[in-house]
Amino acid sequence: MGNTTFGRHVAVDTWGVDFDLLNNEDFLQVQMVEAAEACDATILSVQSRQFEPHGVTVLVMLAESHLSIHTHPERGFAAIDCYTCGELVDPQLAVDYLVSALNPEKIFSKTLVRGNGELDVEQPVKQQIELV
């Protein structure tokens, strides 16, 4: 298969996540690496930062692009972002893994198809999924 500009970009806001999970840099770093592995992405590097008084950012640089999370534990909020180029790595699998690990009360998600000209939205911007 030749080079392609096709890519999928999944952005998810999670709400109602446990403070201790969202404020645990080590836990989040492990989950992010496992999420990248769950979608068969190629990990190039991992960076993370614990903020004071709370909050964490983790960035996993992928050969296919990136996977990131930024947390606001005091609000039960995490922003998850995964973009992968090509058709072989599905970013939704990484996001699904993270959502399962975080167990949020609510998620809001959209997926953009990129690299084909106009950005195509696969899911509505305001899609809300209530988790049981």
N, C-alpha and C. Protein backbone atom coordinates (compact mmCIF):
# COMPACT_ATOMS: atom_id res chain seq x y z
N MET A 1 0.85 -1.18 0.00
CA MET A 1 0.00 0.00 0.00
C MET A 1 0.89 1.23 0.00
N GLY A 2 0.61 2.19 -0.87
CA GLY A 2 1.39 3.41 -0.97
C GLY A 2 1.03 4.41 0.11
N ASN A 3 1.75 5.50 0.12
CA ASN A 3 1.46 6.56 1.09
C ASN A 3 0.09 7.16 0.83
N THR A 4 -0.58 7.55 1.90
CA THR A 4 -1.89 8.17 1.79
C THR A 4 -1.96 9.32 2.78
N THR A 5 -2.75 10.31 2.46
CA THR A 5 -2.95 11.43 3.38
C THR A 5 -4.15 11.20 4.27
N PHE A 6 -4.89 10.11 4.04
CA PHE A 6 -6.08 9.79 4.82
C PHE A 6 -5.73 9.62 6.29
N GLY A 7 -6.58 10.18 7.15
CA GLY A 7 -6.41 9.99 8.59
C GLY A 7 -7.72 10.16 9.32
N ARG A 8 -7.76 9.64 10.54
CA ARG A 8 -8.92 9.81 11.41
C ARG A 8 -8.47 10.46 12.70
N HIS A 9 -9.26 11.44 13.15
CA HIS A 9 -8.93 12.21 14.35
C HIS A 9 -10.12 12.12 15.30
N VAL A 10 -9.95 11.43 16.41
CA VAL A 10 -11.01 11.24 17.39
C VAL A 10 -10.73 12.16 18.58
N ALA A 11 -11.69 13.00 18.90
CA ALA A 11 -11.60 13.89 20.06
C ALA A 11 -12.74 13.56 21.01
N VAL A 12 -12.39 13.37 22.28
CA VAL A 12 -13.38 12.95 23.27
C VAL A 12 -13.20 13.77 24.54
N ASP A 13 -14.31 14.29 25.05
CA ASP A 13 -14.35 14.90 26.38
C ASP A 13 -15.05 13.92 27.30
N THR A 14 -14.39 13.58 28.40
CA THR A 14 -15.00 12.69 29.39
C THR A 14 -15.28 13.48 30.65
N TRP A 15 -16.41 13.19 31.27
CA TRP A 15 -16.85 13.88 32.50
C TRP A 15 -17.23 12.83 33.53
N GLY A 16 -17.06 13.19 34.80
CA GLY A 16 -17.44 12.29 35.88
C GLY A 16 -16.44 11.19 36.10
N VAL A 17 -15.15 11.51 35.91
CA VAL A 17 -14.09 10.53 36.13
C VAL A 17 -13.51 10.75 37.53
N ASP A 18 -13.15 9.68 38.19
CA ASP A 18 -12.59 9.73 39.54
C ASP A 18 -11.35 10.63 39.61
N PHE A 19 -11.32 11.52 40.60
CA PHE A 19 -10.22 12.46 40.80
C PHE A 19 -8.87 11.75 40.84
N ASP A 20 -8.80 10.67 41.63
CA ASP A 20 -7.52 9.99 41.83
C ASP A 20 -6.97 9.39 40.54
N LEU A 21 -7.84 8.91 39.66
CA LEU A 21 -7.37 8.40 38.37
C LEU A 21 -6.81 9.53 37.51
N LEU A 22 -7.53 10.64 37.48
CA LEU A 22 -7.14 11.76 36.63
C LEU A 22 -5.92 12.51 37.15
N ASN A 23 -5.55 12.27 38.40
CA ASN A 23 -4.41 12.97 38.98
C ASN A 23 -3.21 12.05 39.18
N ASN A 24 -3.25 10.86 38.57
CA ASN A 24 -2.20 9.87 38.73
C ASN A 24 -1.40 9.74 37.44
N GLU A 25 -0.27 10.43 37.39
CA GLU A 25 0.57 10.44 36.19
C GLU A 25 1.01 9.04 35.78
N ASP A 26 1.45 8.23 36.74
CA ASP A 26 1.92 6.88 36.41
C ASP A 26 0.80 6.03 35.82
N PHE A 27 -0.37 6.05 36.45
CA PHE A 27 -1.52 5.29 35.94
C PHE A 27 -1.87 5.72 34.52
N LEU A 28 -1.95 7.03 34.30
CA LEU A 28 -2.34 7.53 32.98
C LEU A 28 -1.30 7.20 31.92
N GLN A 29 -0.04 7.27 32.27
CA GLN A 29 1.01 6.94 31.30
C GLN A 29 0.90 5.47 30.88
N VAL A 30 0.69 4.58 31.85
CA VAL A 30 0.54 3.15 31.53
C VAL A 30 -0.69 2.94 30.65
N GLN A 31 -1.81 3.58 30.98
CA GLN A 31 -3.04 3.42 30.20
C GLN A 31 -2.87 3.94 28.77
N MET A 32 -2.16 5.04 28.62
CA MET A 32 -1.95 5.61 27.29
C MET A 32 -1.10 4.69 26.42
N VAL A 33 -0.06 4.11 26.99
CA VAL A 33 0.78 3.18 26.24
C VAL A 33 -0.04 1.94 25.86
N GLU A 34 -0.82 1.43 26.81
CA GLU A 34 -1.65 0.26 26.51
C GLU A 34 -2.71 0.58 25.46
N ALA A 35 -3.24 1.80 25.47
CA ALA A 35 -4.22 2.22 24.46
C ALA A 35 -3.58 2.26 23.08
N ALA A 36 -2.37 2.79 23.00
CA ALA A 36 -1.67 2.83 21.71
C ALA A 36 -1.40 1.41 21.21
N GLU A 37 -1.01 0.54 22.12
CA GLU A 37 -0.78 -0.86 21.74
C GLU A 37 -2.08 -1.54 21.32
N ALA A 38 -3.20 -1.17 21.93
CA ALA A 38 -4.50 -1.78 21.62
C ALA A 38 -4.93 -1.52 20.18
N CYS A 39 -4.45 -0.42 19.60
CA CYS A 39 -4.81 -0.13 18.20
C CYS A 39 -3.64 -0.41 17.25
N ASP A 40 -2.62 -1.10 17.75
CA ASP A 40 -1.45 -1.49 16.95
C ASP A 40 -0.67 -0.31 16.39
N ALA A 41 -0.68 0.80 17.11
CA ALA A 41 0.11 1.95 16.70
C ALA A 41 1.58 1.73 17.07
N THR A 42 2.45 2.46 16.40
CA THR A 42 3.89 2.37 16.64
C THR A 42 4.30 3.53 17.55
N ILE A 43 4.68 3.22 18.78
CA ILE A 43 5.05 4.25 19.75
C ILE A 43 6.48 4.70 19.49
N LEU A 44 6.66 6.01 19.34
CA LEU A 44 7.98 6.59 19.16
C LEU A 44 8.53 7.16 20.46
N SER A 45 7.65 7.81 21.25
CA SER A 45 8.08 8.36 22.54
C SER A 45 6.86 8.64 23.39
N VAL A 46 7.12 8.81 24.70
CA VAL A 46 6.06 9.11 25.66
C VAL A 46 6.58 10.23 26.56
N GLN A 47 5.77 11.25 26.70
CA GLN A 47 6.08 12.34 27.62
C GLN A 47 4.88 12.56 28.53
N SER A 48 5.16 12.91 29.79
CA SER A 48 4.06 13.22 30.69
C SER A 48 4.49 14.29 31.67
N ARG A 49 3.48 14.93 32.24
CA ARG A 49 3.74 16.02 33.19
C ARG A 49 2.64 16.05 34.23
N GLN A 50 3.03 16.04 35.49
CA GLN A 50 2.11 16.21 36.61
C GLN A 50 2.09 17.69 36.96
N PHE A 51 0.92 18.28 37.06
CA PHE A 51 0.80 19.70 37.37
C PHE A 51 0.43 19.89 38.83
N GLU A 52 0.74 21.06 39.35
CA GLU A 52 0.39 21.43 40.72
C GLU A 52 -0.68 22.51 40.68
N PRO A 53 -1.73 22.44 41.44
CA PRO A 53 -1.93 21.46 42.50
C PRO A 53 -2.44 20.11 41.99
N HIS A 54 -2.95 20.04 40.77
CA HIS A 54 -3.41 18.76 40.24
C HIS A 54 -3.57 18.86 38.72
N GLY A 55 -3.65 17.71 38.10
CA GLY A 55 -3.80 17.61 36.65
C GLY A 55 -2.59 16.95 36.02
N VAL A 56 -2.84 16.29 34.89
CA VAL A 56 -1.79 15.54 34.20
C VAL A 56 -1.99 15.71 32.69
N THR A 57 -0.88 15.79 31.99
CA THR A 57 -0.89 15.69 30.53
C THR A 57 0.05 14.55 30.14
N VAL A 58 -0.43 13.70 29.24
CA VAL A 58 0.41 12.63 28.69
C VAL A 58 0.30 12.71 27.17
N LEU A 59 1.45 12.67 26.51
CA LEU A 59 1.51 12.67 25.05
C LEU A 59 2.28 11.45 24.60
N VAL A 60 1.65 10.66 23.74
CA VAL A 60 2.31 9.50 23.13
C VAL A 60 2.49 9.85 21.65
N MET A 61 3.76 10.02 21.27
CA MET A 61 4.03 10.29 19.86
C MET A 61 4.05 8.95 19.12
N LEU A 62 3.28 8.89 18.07
CA LEU A 62 3.15 7.67 17.27
C LEU A 62 3.76 7.88 15.90
N ALA A 63 4.24 6.83 15.29
CA ALA A 63 4.68 6.92 13.90
C ALA A 63 3.50 7.38 13.03
N GLU A 64 2.29 7.00 13.47
CA GLU A 64 1.07 7.35 12.73
C GLU A 64 0.54 8.73 13.11
N SER A 65 0.98 9.35 14.18
CA SER A 65 0.70 10.71 14.63
C SER A 65 0.78 10.81 16.14
N HIS A 66 -0.39 10.86 16.87
CA HIS A 66 -0.31 11.08 18.31
C HIS A 66 -1.55 10.60 19.06
N LEU A 67 -1.36 10.44 20.37
CA LEU A 67 -2.42 10.14 21.32
C LEU A 67 -2.13 11.00 22.54
N SER A 68 -3.13 11.76 23.02
CA SER A 68 -2.89 12.64 24.16
C SER A 68 -4.08 12.65 25.11
N ILE A 69 -3.77 13.03 26.36
CA ILE A 69 -4.80 13.24 27.37
C ILE A 69 -4.36 14.43 28.22
N HIS A 70 -5.33 15.24 28.57
CA HIS A 70 -5.09 16.36 29.48
C HIS A 70 -6.23 16.35 30.48
N THR A 71 -5.87 16.36 31.78
CA THR A 71 -6.90 16.18 32.80
C THR A 71 -7.08 17.40 33.69
N HIS A 72 -8.30 17.53 34.17
CA HIS A 72 -8.70 18.50 35.20
C HIS A 72 -9.43 17.70 36.28
N PRO A 73 -8.65 17.05 37.17
CA PRO A 73 -9.27 16.15 38.16
C PRO A 73 -10.31 16.83 39.03
N GLU A 74 -10.11 18.09 39.36
CA GLU A 74 -11.05 18.81 40.24
C GLU A 74 -12.42 18.96 39.59
N ARG A 75 -12.49 18.77 38.28
CA ARG A 75 -13.76 18.85 37.56
C ARG A 75 -14.20 17.50 37.02
N GLY A 76 -13.43 16.46 37.29
CA GLY A 76 -13.76 15.13 36.79
C GLY A 76 -13.65 15.02 35.28
N PHE A 77 -12.79 15.86 34.69
CA PHE A 77 -12.73 16.02 33.23
C PHE A 77 -11.40 15.55 32.66
N ALA A 78 -11.49 14.88 31.51
CA ALA A 78 -10.30 14.55 30.72
C ALA A 78 -10.60 14.77 29.25
N ALA A 79 -9.67 15.43 28.56
CA ALA A 79 -9.74 15.61 27.10
C ALA A 79 -8.79 14.60 26.48
N ILE A 80 -9.34 13.75 25.62
CA ILE A 80 -8.56 12.71 24.95
C ILE A 80 -8.56 13.02 23.46
N ASP A 81 -7.41 12.85 22.85
CA ASP A 81 -7.25 13.17 21.44
C ASP A 81 -6.37 12.10 20.79
N CYS A 82 -6.84 11.51 19.70
CA CYS A 82 -6.03 10.54 18.98
C CYS A 82 -6.19 10.75 17.48
N TYR A 83 -5.07 10.97 16.83
CA TYR A 83 -5.05 11.15 15.37
C TYR A 83 -4.09 10.14 14.79
N THR A 84 -4.54 9.39 13.79
CA THR A 84 -3.67 8.45 13.10
C THR A 84 -3.83 8.59 11.60
N CYS A 85 -2.71 8.55 10.92
CA CYS A 85 -2.70 8.59 9.46
C CYS A 85 -2.77 7.17 8.92
N GLY A 86 -3.37 7.04 7.74
CA GLY A 86 -3.46 5.73 7.11
C GLY A 86 -4.70 4.98 7.56
N GLU A 87 -4.87 3.81 6.99
CA GLU A 87 -6.07 3.01 7.27
C GLU A 87 -5.80 1.83 8.18
N LEU A 88 -4.55 1.57 8.52
CA LEU A 88 -4.22 0.37 9.28
C LEU A 88 -4.41 0.52 10.79
N VAL A 89 -4.28 1.73 11.31
CA VAL A 89 -4.40 1.97 12.75
C VAL A 89 -5.68 2.76 12.99
N ASP A 90 -6.58 2.20 13.80
CA ASP A 90 -7.87 2.83 14.08
C ASP A 90 -7.80 3.56 15.42
N PRO A 91 -7.82 4.90 15.41
CA PRO A 91 -7.72 5.64 16.66
C PRO A 91 -8.88 5.39 17.61
N GLN A 92 -10.03 4.98 17.09
CA GLN A 92 -11.18 4.71 17.95
C GLN A 92 -10.88 3.59 18.93
N LEU A 93 -10.06 2.63 18.54
CA LEU A 93 -9.71 1.53 19.44
C LEU A 93 -8.91 2.04 20.65
N ALA A 94 -8.01 2.98 20.41
CA ALA A 94 -7.25 3.56 21.52
C ALA A 94 -8.16 4.35 22.44
N VAL A 95 -9.06 5.13 21.86
CA VAL A 95 -9.99 5.94 22.66
C VAL A 95 -10.92 5.03 23.46
N ASP A 96 -11.43 3.99 22.84
CA ASP A 96 -12.31 3.05 23.54
C ASP A 96 -11.59 2.42 24.73
N TYR A 97 -10.32 2.08 24.55
CA TYR A 97 -9.54 1.51 25.64
C TYR A 97 -9.46 2.50 26.80
N LEU A 98 -9.15 3.76 26.50
CA LEU A 98 -9.02 4.77 27.55
C LEU A 98 -10.34 5.04 28.26
N VAL A 99 -11.42 5.11 27.50
CA VAL A 99 -12.73 5.34 28.10
C VAL A 99 -13.07 4.20 29.05
N SER A 100 -12.74 2.99 28.66
CA SER A 100 -12.99 1.84 29.52
C SER A 100 -12.17 1.93 30.81
N ALA A 101 -10.93 2.38 30.70
CA ALA A 101 -10.06 2.48 31.88
C ALA A 101 -10.50 3.60 32.81
N LEU A 102 -11.02 4.70 32.25
CA LEU A 102 -11.42 5.86 33.06
C LEU A 102 -12.83 5.75 33.61
N ASN A 103 -13.68 4.99 32.93
CA ASN A 103 -15.06 4.78 33.37
C ASN A 103 -15.80 6.10 33.66
N PRO A 104 -15.89 7.01 32.70
CA PRO A 104 -16.57 8.28 32.94
C PRO A 104 -18.09 8.11 33.02
N GLU A 105 -18.74 9.10 33.62
CA GLU A 105 -20.20 9.11 33.65
C GLU A 105 -20.77 9.53 32.30
N LYS A 106 -20.08 10.46 31.62
CA LYS A 106 -20.53 10.95 30.31
C LYS A 106 -19.35 11.15 29.39
N ILE A 107 -19.57 10.93 28.09
CA ILE A 107 -18.57 11.28 27.10
C ILE A 107 -19.23 12.03 25.95
N PHE A 108 -18.47 12.93 25.39
CA PHE A 108 -18.86 13.67 24.19
C PHE A 108 -17.76 13.42 23.18
N SER A 109 -18.13 13.00 21.97
CA SER A 109 -17.12 12.55 21.02
C SER A 109 -17.44 13.01 19.60
N LYS A 110 -16.38 13.22 18.84
CA LYS A 110 -16.53 13.40 17.40
C LYS A 110 -15.30 12.83 16.72
N THR A 111 -15.50 12.40 15.50
CA THR A 111 -14.42 11.87 14.69
C THR A 111 -14.35 12.65 13.39
N LEU A 112 -13.18 13.14 13.08
CA LEU A 112 -12.96 13.83 11.82
C LEU A 112 -12.20 12.92 10.88
N VAL A 113 -12.62 12.90 9.63
CA VAL A 113 -11.85 12.24 8.58
C VAL A 113 -11.03 13.33 7.91
N ARG A 114 -9.73 13.13 7.89
CA ARG A 114 -8.82 14.16 7.40
C ARG A 114 -8.04 13.65 6.20
N GLY A 115 -7.47 14.59 5.46
CA GLY A 115 -6.57 14.24 4.38
C GLY A 115 -7.22 13.96 3.05
N ASN A 116 -8.53 14.21 2.95
CA ASN A 116 -9.25 13.99 1.69
C ASN A 116 -9.79 15.29 1.12
N GLY A 117 -9.30 16.43 1.57
CA GLY A 117 -9.84 17.73 1.17
C GLY A 117 -10.56 18.34 2.35
N GLU A 118 -11.86 18.51 2.24
CA GLU A 118 -12.65 19.04 3.36
C GLU A 118 -12.61 18.05 4.53
N LEU A 119 -12.66 18.59 5.75
CA LEU A 119 -12.74 17.72 6.92
C LEU A 119 -14.16 17.17 7.01
N ASP A 120 -14.29 15.87 7.05
CA ASP A 120 -15.59 15.22 7.17
C ASP A 120 -15.81 14.78 8.62
N VAL A 121 -16.97 15.12 9.17
CA VAL A 121 -17.31 14.71 10.53
C VAL A 121 -18.08 13.41 10.45
N GLU A 122 -17.55 12.36 11.07
CA GLU A 122 -18.23 11.07 11.09
C GLU A 122 -19.27 10.99 12.18
N GLN A 123 -19.07 11.74 13.25
CA GLN A 123 -20.02 11.74 14.36
C GLN A 123 -20.39 13.18 14.65
N PRO A 124 -21.62 13.42 15.05
CA PRO A 124 -22.03 14.79 15.37
C PRO A 124 -21.17 15.41 16.45
N VAL A 125 -20.90 16.70 16.32
CA VAL A 125 -20.07 17.42 17.27
C VAL A 125 -20.64 17.32 18.68
N LYS A 126 -21.96 17.36 18.82
CA LYS A 126 -22.60 17.36 20.13
C LYS A 126 -23.05 15.98 20.58
N GLN A 127 -22.53 14.92 19.93
CA GLN A 127 -22.94 13.57 20.35
C GLN A 127 -22.61 13.37 21.82
N GLN A 128 -23.56 12.88 22.56
CA GLN A 128 -23.35 12.58 23.97
C GLN A 128 -23.69 11.12 24.19
N ILE A 129 -22.82 10.45 24.89
CA ILE A 129 -23.07 9.06 25.21
C ILE A 129 -23.13 8.95 26.72
N GLU A 130 -24.26 8.51 27.24
CA GLU A 130 -24.41 8.30 28.68
C GLU A 130 -23.99 6.86 28.97
N LEU A 131 -23.04 6.69 29.86
CA LEU A 131 -22.57 5.36 30.21
C LEU A 131 -23.31 4.88 31.43
N VAL A 132 -23.64 3.60 31.45
CA VAL A 132 -24.37 3.01 32.56
C VAL A 132 -23.41 2.42 33.55
